[in-house]
Amino acid sequence: MLRRTCTFLFGIFVIGSVTIVFGQGSDTMKPKMISGDVVSVDTSSIKIKAATGEITATVSDKTDFKKAAADDPKKMTPSSFSDISAGDKVLVSGFPSEDGKTVPAIRVYLMSKSEIAQRNAKEAAEWRTRGISGTIAAINPQTNQVTIDVPGMMATTKTVLTPKADATFRRYSADSFKFSDAKVGTFADLTVGDSIRAKGDRSADGTSFAAEVILTGAFQQVVGTVKSIDAATNEVVITDRISKRDLTISFASASTMKRFPPEFAERLAGGPMAGGGAPGAGGPPTGGQPAGGGQPGQGGQRPGGIGGAGGGPRGGIDEMLERFPTIGAADLKVGDMIAVSSSKTKPEEKIRAIKLLAGVEPFVRMAEMRAAMGGGQGGGRGATQPGLNIPGLDGFNMP
């Protein structure tokens, strides 16, 4: 997330600076701005991977070099050609050739990959240690507070979130977990049932949270058993675990497709392979409260989309997923149980997966066991609609 943020801020600030420097005269005389990752550097040029393809920026003794700090892109210091290396982020101003393949660089703005990595690591650690995630259960405009259902591996708890005076809001687009696709939002954009993730300060008893950054989105989770696979269209038909209806899942544009290794999933779920004890040896909840939280929706589609295994530190969930095997249509088979995150859809609509995780059977088994132990007393939600918490399914990609 931060990698995209830094690049975005870097570009906006630098473009603003260049407008000030070169803004006089007609638009046709203004230099073009080209941004991207450095592929390679030789004695007098920089090969850049830009959005439009590879471009070569040539430098001379008249080229001006500036370096932007990763933690504050507005902080510029003098730099030099020798400071640039493969993997760095650069933004070049100049007048490209007619074919757009080369550009004599007037000015080069640099953000080094090492500084970006350090800042990303710091930011990711902050989200792990100072983050909370869950589903919006209630909104109080009078007090400017939000009640969140926070899922845990054993139970769901409620936390009251209050935005700080200078809090920033971002709302995710309907089909992406990417921070770069999120739009600036306000408190008024929040909706009951939204997925929410925030960074800030938690009270000692965990019942309240003062937020400085708030991310929201309208997402759902669907879990079911694969009934058929169409590799040509990147689609599967699953039987939903709750409604028993057949649902068509398209994963052509999924950003993440991973499979939990069986032993690892058993350990996370607290199953029989976790130390040889009985499932849920840590003691499942006795009141029938679902572990995953969220009000089941139509067709077994439950609110979800941002967050991880519980509302506290993510414990490296995103990094964990990155190490799991990436899968495709050829790796799925009839009878597999998969879990999907997507934007909210109507029951009859095709579901376009943003994330797809296979190997989730241990989590489903444990959720059903907890629901059975609840016994349906007092109309508990977990007795008829087993709650589910699959680590990493709700998380957007971290740096």
Protein backbone atom coordinates (compact mmCIF):
# COMPACT_ATOMS: atom_id res chain seq x y z
CA MET A 1 0.00 0.00 0.00
CA LEU A 2 2.65 2.51 0.98
CA ARG A 3 4.68 1.86 -2.15
CA ARG A 4 1.77 3.11 -4.22
CA THR A 5 1.13 5.96 -1.82
CA CYS A 6 4.72 7.21 -1.95
CA THR A 7 4.80 7.04 -5.73
CA PHE A 8 1.49 8.86 -5.98
CA LEU A 9 2.53 11.67 -3.64
CA PHE A 10 5.96 11.83 -5.24
CA GLY A 11 4.40 12.27 -8.68
CA ILE A 12 1.83 14.83 -7.58
CA PHE A 13 4.37 16.99 -5.79
CA VAL A 14 6.95 16.81 -8.53
CA ILE A 15 4.44 17.58 -11.24
CA GLY A 16 3.39 20.60 -9.21
CA SER A 17 6.99 21.71 -8.92
CA VAL A 18 7.60 21.31 -12.63
CA THR A 19 4.47 23.30 -13.43
CA ILE A 20 5.88 26.16 -11.38
CA VAL A 21 9.26 25.97 -13.10
CA PHE A 22 8.09 25.36 -16.66
CA GLY A 23 4.54 26.67 -16.54
CA GLN A 24 5.19 29.84 -18.48
CA GLY A 25 4.48 29.82 -22.17
CA SER A 26 2.09 27.73 -24.26
CA ASP A 27 1.11 24.18 -23.34
CA THR A 28 2.96 22.86 -26.39
CA MET A 29 6.24 24.14 -24.89
CA LYS A 30 5.82 22.39 -21.55
CA PRO A 31 7.97 19.30 -21.02
CA LYS A 32 6.27 15.93 -20.61
CA MET A 33 6.45 14.02 -17.35
CA ILE A 34 7.40 10.34 -17.55
CA SER A 35 7.39 8.19 -14.42
CA GLY A 36 8.26 4.58 -13.76
CA ASP A 37 10.75 2.09 -12.38
CA VAL A 38 14.39 2.11 -13.42
CA VAL A 39 15.19 -1.03 -15.43
CA SER A 40 18.86 -0.30 -16.03
CA VAL A 41 21.41 2.52 -16.08
CA ASP A 42 24.38 2.95 -18.39
CA THR A 43 26.94 5.72 -18.87
CA SER A 44 24.53 8.30 -20.28
CA SER A 45 20.97 6.99 -20.14
CA ILE A 46 18.28 5.48 -17.92
CA LYS A 47 15.94 2.77 -19.17
CA ILE A 48 12.54 3.26 -17.52
CA LYS A 49 9.57 0.91 -17.32
CA ALA A 50 6.67 3.34 -17.71
CA ALA A 51 2.93 2.76 -18.07
CA THR A 52 3.24 3.01 -21.86
CA GLY A 53 6.26 0.70 -22.12
CA GLU A 54 10.02 1.04 -21.87
CA ILE A 55 11.45 4.50 -22.46
CA THR A 56 15.08 5.59 -22.52
CA ALA A 57 15.92 8.88 -20.86
CA THR A 58 19.23 10.34 -22.01
CA VAL A 59 21.16 12.62 -19.67
CA SER A 60 23.75 15.32 -20.19
CA ASP A 61 25.77 17.75 -18.11
CA LYS A 62 22.75 20.07 -18.24
CA THR A 63 20.36 17.54 -16.65
CA ASP A 64 19.27 18.51 -13.15
CA PHE A 65 18.88 15.73 -10.56
CA LYS A 66 16.73 15.87 -7.42
CA LYS A 67 16.04 13.23 -4.77
CA ALA A 68 12.71 12.95 -2.94
CA ALA A 69 12.56 11.44 0.54
CA ALA A 70 10.36 8.32 0.69
CA ASP A 71 8.82 9.39 3.99
CA ASP A 72 8.12 12.93 2.76
CA PRO A 73 8.11 13.39 -1.05
CA LYS A 74 7.99 17.17 -0.60
CA LYS A 75 11.47 17.01 0.91
CA MET A 76 13.84 17.46 -2.06
CA THR A 77 17.64 17.39 -1.99
CA PRO A 78 20.26 17.73 -4.75
CA SER A 79 21.24 14.44 -6.34
CA SER A 80 23.34 13.12 -9.20
CA PHE A 81 23.23 10.59 -12.02
CA SER A 82 25.44 8.22 -10.01
CA ASP A 83 22.75 7.94 -7.31
CA ILE A 84 20.34 6.16 -9.67
CA SER A 85 20.19 2.37 -9.82
CA ALA A 86 17.86 -0.37 -11.06
CA GLY A 87 14.65 -0.62 -9.05
CA ASP A 88 14.50 3.06 -8.10
CA LYS A 89 11.44 5.18 -8.86
CA VAL A 90 12.08 8.13 -11.17
CA LEU A 91 10.08 10.91 -12.75
CA VAL A 92 11.69 12.53 -15.79
CA SER A 93 10.76 15.82 -17.43
CA GLY A 94 11.69 16.42 -21.05
CA PHE A 95 10.52 16.49 -24.67
CA PRO A 96 10.10 12.90 -25.97
CA SER A 97 11.02 11.89 -29.51
CA GLU A 98 8.24 11.48 -32.06
CA ASP A 99 8.01 7.73 -31.48
CA GLY A 100 7.97 8.27 -27.70
CA LYS A 101 10.84 5.83 -27.16
CA THR A 102 13.46 8.31 -25.95
CA VAL A 103 13.46 11.56 -24.02
CA PRO A 104 16.40 13.92 -23.39
CA ALA A 105 16.05 14.54 -19.66
CA ILE A 106 15.80 18.14 -18.48
CA ARG A 107 15.26 17.10 -14.88
CA VAL A 108 15.21 13.73 -13.10
CA TYR A 109 13.46 13.21 -9.76
CA LEU A 110 14.57 10.12 -7.85
CA MET A 111 13.12 8.06 -5.02
CA SER A 112 15.51 5.26 -4.06
CA LYS A 113 14.28 1.67 -3.70
CA SER A 114 16.15 1.20 -0.42
CA GLU A 115 14.42 4.17 1.20
CA ILE A 116 11.05 3.02 -0.15
CA ALA A 117 11.65 -0.46 1.29
CA GLN A 118 12.57 0.95 4.70
CA ARG A 119 9.53 3.20 4.76
CA ASN A 120 7.26 0.37 3.58
CA ALA A 121 8.53 -1.90 6.35
CA LYS A 122 7.91 0.78 8.95
CA GLU A 123 4.42 1.48 7.63
CA ALA A 124 3.52 -2.21 7.45
CA ALA A 125 4.69 -2.67 11.05
CA GLU A 126 2.49 0.23 12.14
CA TRP A 127 -0.57 -1.31 10.52
CA ARG A 128 0.19 -4.63 12.22
CA THR A 129 0.64 -3.13 15.66
CA ARG A 130 -1.76 -0.17 15.51
CA GLY A 131 -4.41 -1.51 13.16
CA ILE A 132 -7.97 -2.74 13.54
CA SER A 133 -10.27 -4.37 11.01
CA GLY A 134 -13.80 -5.67 10.84
CA THR A 135 -17.31 -4.84 9.68
CA ILE A 136 -19.31 -1.72 10.47
CA ALA A 137 -22.19 -2.73 12.75
CA ALA A 138 -23.58 0.72 13.62
CA ILE A 139 -22.97 4.40 12.87
CA ASN A 140 -23.78 7.31 15.17
CA PRO A 141 -23.55 10.61 13.25
CA GLN A 142 -24.36 12.59 16.41
CA THR A 143 -21.28 11.34 18.27
CA ASN A 144 -19.21 10.79 15.11
CA GLN A 145 -18.59 7.19 16.18
CA VAL A 146 -18.69 3.80 14.49
CA THR A 147 -19.26 0.41 16.13
CA ILE A 148 -17.21 -2.34 14.52
CA ASP A 149 -17.66 -6.12 14.69
CA VAL A 150 -14.06 -7.31 15.03
CA PRO A 151 -13.53 -10.98 14.07
CA GLY A 152 -11.13 -13.15 16.02
CA MET A 153 -10.14 -16.78 15.65
CA MET A 154 -12.38 -17.70 18.60
CA ALA A 155 -15.03 -14.99 18.87
CA THR A 156 -16.27 -11.67 17.50
CA THR A 157 -15.99 -8.56 19.67
CA LYS A 158 -17.30 -5.01 19.32
CA THR A 159 -15.15 -1.88 19.31
CA VAL A 160 -16.30 1.73 19.13
CA LEU A 161 -14.17 3.72 16.66
CA THR A 162 -13.88 7.50 16.87
CA PRO A 163 -12.03 9.39 14.09
CA LYS A 164 -9.39 11.82 15.31
CA ALA A 165 -9.84 15.48 14.40
CA ASP A 166 -7.38 15.19 11.51
CA ALA A 167 -8.34 11.66 10.43
CA THR A 168 -8.17 10.81 6.74
CA PHE A 169 -10.77 8.64 4.97
CA ARG A 170 -10.33 6.45 1.90
CA ARG A 171 -12.99 4.34 0.20
CA TYR A 172 -12.08 1.39 -1.99
CA SER A 173 -13.49 0.99 -5.46
CA ALA A 174 -16.11 -1.68 -6.08
CA ASP A 175 -13.71 -4.14 -7.71
CA SER A 176 -10.31 -3.62 -6.14
CA PHE A 177 -8.48 -3.93 -2.81
CA LYS A 178 -5.69 -1.69 -4.13
CA PHE A 179 -5.02 1.46 -2.15
CA SER A 180 -4.10 3.23 -5.38
CA ASP A 181 -7.69 2.71 -6.57
CA ALA A 182 -9.24 4.09 -3.38
CA LYS A 183 -10.91 7.51 -3.43
CA VAL A 184 -10.79 10.22 -0.80
CA GLY A 185 -13.85 9.87 1.41
CA THR A 186 -15.61 11.31 4.45
CA PHE A 187 -17.44 10.06 7.53
CA ALA A 188 -20.70 10.47 5.60
CA ASP A 189 -19.60 7.76 3.14
CA LEU A 190 -19.61 5.05 5.83
CA THR A 191 -22.37 2.45 5.62
CA VAL A 192 -23.46 -0.35 7.95
CA GLY A 193 -22.11 -3.61 6.53
CA ASP A 194 -19.01 -1.96 5.05
CA SER A 195 -15.65 -3.56 5.62
CA ILE A 196 -13.38 -1.23 7.55
CA ARG A 197 -9.73 -1.04 8.44
CA ALA A 198 -8.18 1.71 10.52
CA LYS A 199 -4.87 2.75 12.03
CA GLY A 200 -4.65 4.58 15.33
CA ASP A 201 -4.70 4.08 19.09
CA ARG A 202 -6.59 1.32 20.87
CA SER A 203 -7.81 1.69 24.45
CA ALA A 204 -6.31 -0.58 27.11
CA ASP A 205 -9.47 -2.70 27.33
CA GLY A 206 -9.87 -2.87 23.54
CA THR A 207 -13.41 -1.47 23.55
CA SER A 208 -12.57 1.84 21.88
CA PHE A 209 -10.25 3.00 19.11
CA ALA A 210 -9.10 6.50 18.07
CA ALA A 211 -8.47 6.37 14.33
CA GLU A 212 -6.14 8.54 12.26
CA VAL A 213 -6.52 6.65 8.94
CA ILE A 214 -9.79 4.93 7.95
CA LEU A 215 -10.21 2.66 4.92
CA THR A 216 -13.63 1.28 3.93
CA GLY A 217 -15.21 -0.70 1.13
CA ALA A 218 -18.33 -2.68 0.21
CA PHE A 219 -17.10 -6.27 -0.14
CA GLN A 220 -18.43 -9.75 0.48
CA GLN A 221 -17.08 -13.26 1.03
CA VAL A 222 -18.40 -16.41 -0.61
CA VAL A 223 -17.38 -19.95 0.34
CA GLY A 224 -18.36 -23.08 -1.52
CA THR A 225 -17.40 -26.36 -3.19
CA VAL A 226 -16.21 -26.40 -6.80
CA LYS A 227 -18.79 -28.08 -9.06
CA SER A 228 -17.25 -27.37 -12.47
CA ILE A 229 -14.25 -25.56 -13.96
CA ASP A 230 -13.95 -23.69 -17.27
CA ALA A 231 -10.25 -22.99 -17.78
CA ALA A 232 -10.88 -21.21 -21.09
CA THR A 233 -12.98 -18.49 -19.45
CA ASN A 234 -11.29 -18.60 -16.02
CA GLU A 235 -14.57 -19.41 -14.33
CA VAL A 236 -15.74 -21.95 -11.81
CA VAL A 237 -19.21 -22.90 -10.60
CA ILE A 238 -19.43 -23.52 -6.87
CA THR A 239 -22.17 -24.72 -4.58
CA ASP A 240 -22.51 -22.13 -1.83
CA ARG A 241 -21.99 -23.68 1.63
CA ILE A 242 -24.97 -21.87 3.18
CA SER A 243 -27.62 -21.40 0.49
CA LYS A 244 -26.67 -24.56 -1.48
CA ARG A 245 -27.21 -22.50 -4.64
CA ASP A 246 -24.85 -22.74 -7.59
CA LEU A 247 -22.81 -19.56 -8.08
CA THR A 248 -20.55 -18.66 -11.01
CA ILE A 249 -17.18 -17.23 -10.00
CA SER A 250 -14.95 -15.41 -12.49
CA PHE A 251 -11.34 -15.14 -11.39
CA ALA A 252 -9.96 -13.63 -14.60
CA SER A 253 -9.11 -10.37 -12.84
CA ALA A 254 -8.33 -11.75 -9.37
CA SER A 255 -5.35 -10.01 -7.77
CA THR A 256 -4.57 -12.97 -5.48
CA MET A 257 -5.05 -16.70 -6.02
CA LYS A 258 -3.42 -18.85 -3.35
CA ARG A 259 -3.74 -22.25 -1.68
CA PHE A 260 -3.27 -22.87 2.04
CA PRO A 261 -0.83 -25.73 2.69
CA PRO A 262 -2.93 -28.37 4.53
CA GLU A 263 -0.82 -28.57 7.69
CA PHE A 264 -0.64 -24.79 7.99
CA ALA A 265 -4.39 -24.38 7.59
CA GLU A 266 -4.99 -27.02 10.27
CA ARG A 267 -2.72 -25.19 12.70
CA LEU A 268 -4.37 -21.82 12.06
CA ALA A 269 -7.84 -23.31 12.42
CA GLY A 270 -6.89 -25.20 15.61
CA GLY A 271 -7.71 -28.54 14.02
CA PRO A 272 -6.57 -32.07 14.87
CA MET A 273 -3.19 -31.63 13.19
CA ALA A 274 -2.33 -28.72 15.49
CA GLY A 275 -0.33 -30.63 18.07
CA GLY A 276 -2.43 -33.78 17.92
CA GLY A 277 -5.11 -32.44 20.26
CA ALA A 278 -8.81 -32.12 19.74
CA PRO A 279 -10.02 -29.52 17.30
CA GLY A 280 -10.15 -26.09 18.81
CA ALA A 281 -7.96 -27.08 21.76
CA GLY A 282 -7.78 -23.46 22.74
CA GLY A 283 -11.44 -23.64 23.72
CA PRO A 284 -14.19 -22.63 21.31
CA PRO A 285 -16.76 -20.10 22.37
CA THR A 286 -19.71 -21.58 24.22
CA GLY A 287 -22.36 -19.05 23.36
CA GLY A 288 -22.70 -19.78 19.67
CA GLN A 289 -21.09 -16.49 18.66
CA PRO A 290 -19.53 -16.80 15.21
CA ALA A 291 -15.78 -16.52 14.90
CA GLY A 292 -15.81 -14.67 11.62
CA GLY A 293 -18.45 -12.08 12.33
CA GLY A 294 -20.58 -10.35 9.78
CA GLN A 295 -24.25 -10.78 8.99
CA PRO A 296 -24.79 -13.49 6.38
CA GLY A 297 -26.35 -12.11 3.23
CA GLN A 298 -28.22 -13.56 0.32
CA GLY A 299 -26.78 -16.67 -1.20
CA GLY A 300 -24.39 -17.11 1.69
CA GLN A 301 -22.56 -13.93 0.78
CA ARG A 302 -21.14 -12.27 3.87
CA PRO A 303 -19.68 -8.83 4.43
CA GLY A 304 -15.94 -8.86 4.13
CA GLY A 305 -13.09 -7.35 2.22
CA ILE A 306 -10.58 -5.50 4.38
CA GLY A 307 -8.74 -6.82 7.38
CA GLY A 308 -7.14 -10.02 8.56
CA ALA A 309 -7.30 -12.65 11.24
CA GLY A 310 -8.75 -10.57 13.99
CA GLY A 311 -8.77 -6.87 14.68
CA GLY A 312 -5.36 -6.59 16.30
CA PRO A 313 -1.92 -7.01 14.75
CA ARG A 314 -2.11 -8.84 11.46
CA GLY A 315 0.89 -10.98 12.40
CA GLY A 316 2.26 -11.04 8.87
CA ILE A 317 -0.93 -12.39 7.21
CA ASP A 318 -0.16 -10.60 3.95
CA GLU A 319 3.45 -11.76 3.97
CA MET A 320 2.24 -15.27 4.79
CA LEU A 321 -0.05 -15.35 1.77
CA GLU A 322 2.76 -14.20 -0.51
CA ARG A 323 4.72 -17.34 0.43
CA PHE A 324 1.84 -19.69 -0.36
CA PRO A 325 1.64 -21.36 -3.77
CA THR A 326 0.00 -19.27 -6.49
CA ILE A 327 -2.70 -21.25 -8.27
CA GLY A 328 -4.69 -21.09 -11.49
CA ALA A 329 -7.53 -22.94 -13.15
CA ALA A 330 -5.36 -26.02 -13.70
CA ASP A 331 -4.72 -26.27 -9.95
CA LEU A 332 -8.40 -26.41 -9.02
CA LYS A 333 -10.45 -29.60 -9.13
CA VAL A 334 -14.07 -30.56 -8.64
CA GLY A 335 -14.75 -31.01 -4.94
CA ASP A 336 -12.25 -28.36 -3.77
CA MET A 337 -13.59 -25.87 -1.26
CA ILE A 338 -12.65 -22.29 -2.09
CA ALA A 339 -13.24 -18.90 -0.50
CA VAL A 340 -13.65 -15.74 -2.55
CA SER A 341 -13.63 -12.02 -1.78
CA SER A 342 -15.46 -9.80 -4.24
CA SER A 343 -17.46 -6.63 -4.55
CA LYS A 344 -21.07 -7.02 -3.42
CA THR A 345 -23.37 -8.47 -6.04
CA LYS A 346 -27.02 -9.36 -6.45
CA PRO A 347 -27.85 -13.06 -5.97
CA GLU A 348 -28.28 -13.67 -9.71
CA GLU A 349 -25.08 -11.90 -10.77
CA LYS A 350 -21.77 -13.49 -11.65
CA ILE A 351 -19.22 -12.96 -8.89
CA ARG A 352 -15.92 -11.44 -10.00
CA ALA A 353 -13.26 -12.56 -7.56
CA ILE A 354 -10.75 -10.11 -6.19
CA LYS A 355 -9.15 -12.79 -4.02
CA LEU A 356 -9.52 -16.56 -4.24
CA LEU A 357 -8.13 -18.93 -1.61
CA ALA A 358 -8.21 -22.73 -1.80
CA GLY A 359 -7.48 -25.24 0.96
CA VAL A 360 -9.92 -23.59 3.37
CA GLU A 361 -11.67 -26.77 4.57
CA PRO A 362 -10.17 -26.63 8.12
CA PHE A 363 -11.61 -23.15 8.70
CA VAL A 364 -15.06 -24.21 7.51
CA ARG A 365 -14.95 -27.35 9.65
CA MET A 366 -14.08 -25.35 12.76
CA ALA A 367 -16.75 -22.73 12.08
CA GLU A 368 -19.39 -25.46 11.77
CA MET A 369 -18.16 -27.11 14.97
CA ARG A 370 -18.50 -23.84 16.87
CA ALA A 371 -21.97 -23.32 15.45
CA ALA A 372 -23.01 -26.82 16.53
CA MET A 373 -21.68 -26.25 20.04
CA GLY A 374 -23.78 -23.08 20.19
CA GLY A 375 -26.80 -25.31 19.97
CA GLY A 376 -29.02 -22.60 18.50
CA GLN A 377 -29.91 -21.27 21.93
CA GLY A 378 -31.56 -17.87 21.98
CA GLY A 379 -31.59 -17.65 18.20
CA GLY A 380 -27.81 -17.22 18.08
CA ARG A 381 -26.63 -16.29 14.61
CA GLY A 382 -23.90 -18.91 14.67
CA ALA A 383 -26.39 -21.72 15.26
CA THR A 384 -27.95 -21.43 11.80
CA GLN A 385 -25.40 -19.44 9.83
CA PRO A 386 -21.91 -20.59 10.80
CA GLY A 387 -19.49 -17.69 11.06
CA LEU A 388 -16.19 -17.95 9.26
CA ASN A 389 -12.82 -16.25 9.55
CA ILE A 390 -10.27 -17.16 6.90
CA PRO A 391 -6.93 -15.42 7.55
CA GLY A 392 -5.84 -13.19 4.72
CA LEU A 393 -9.04 -13.42 2.69
CA ASP A 394 -10.03 -9.92 3.72
CA GLY A 395 -6.62 -8.27 3.43
CA PHE A 396 -5.54 -5.88 0.73
CA ASN A 397 -1.98 -6.28 -0.47
CA MET A 398 0.58 -4.68 1.82
CA PRO A 399 4.02 -3.48 0.65
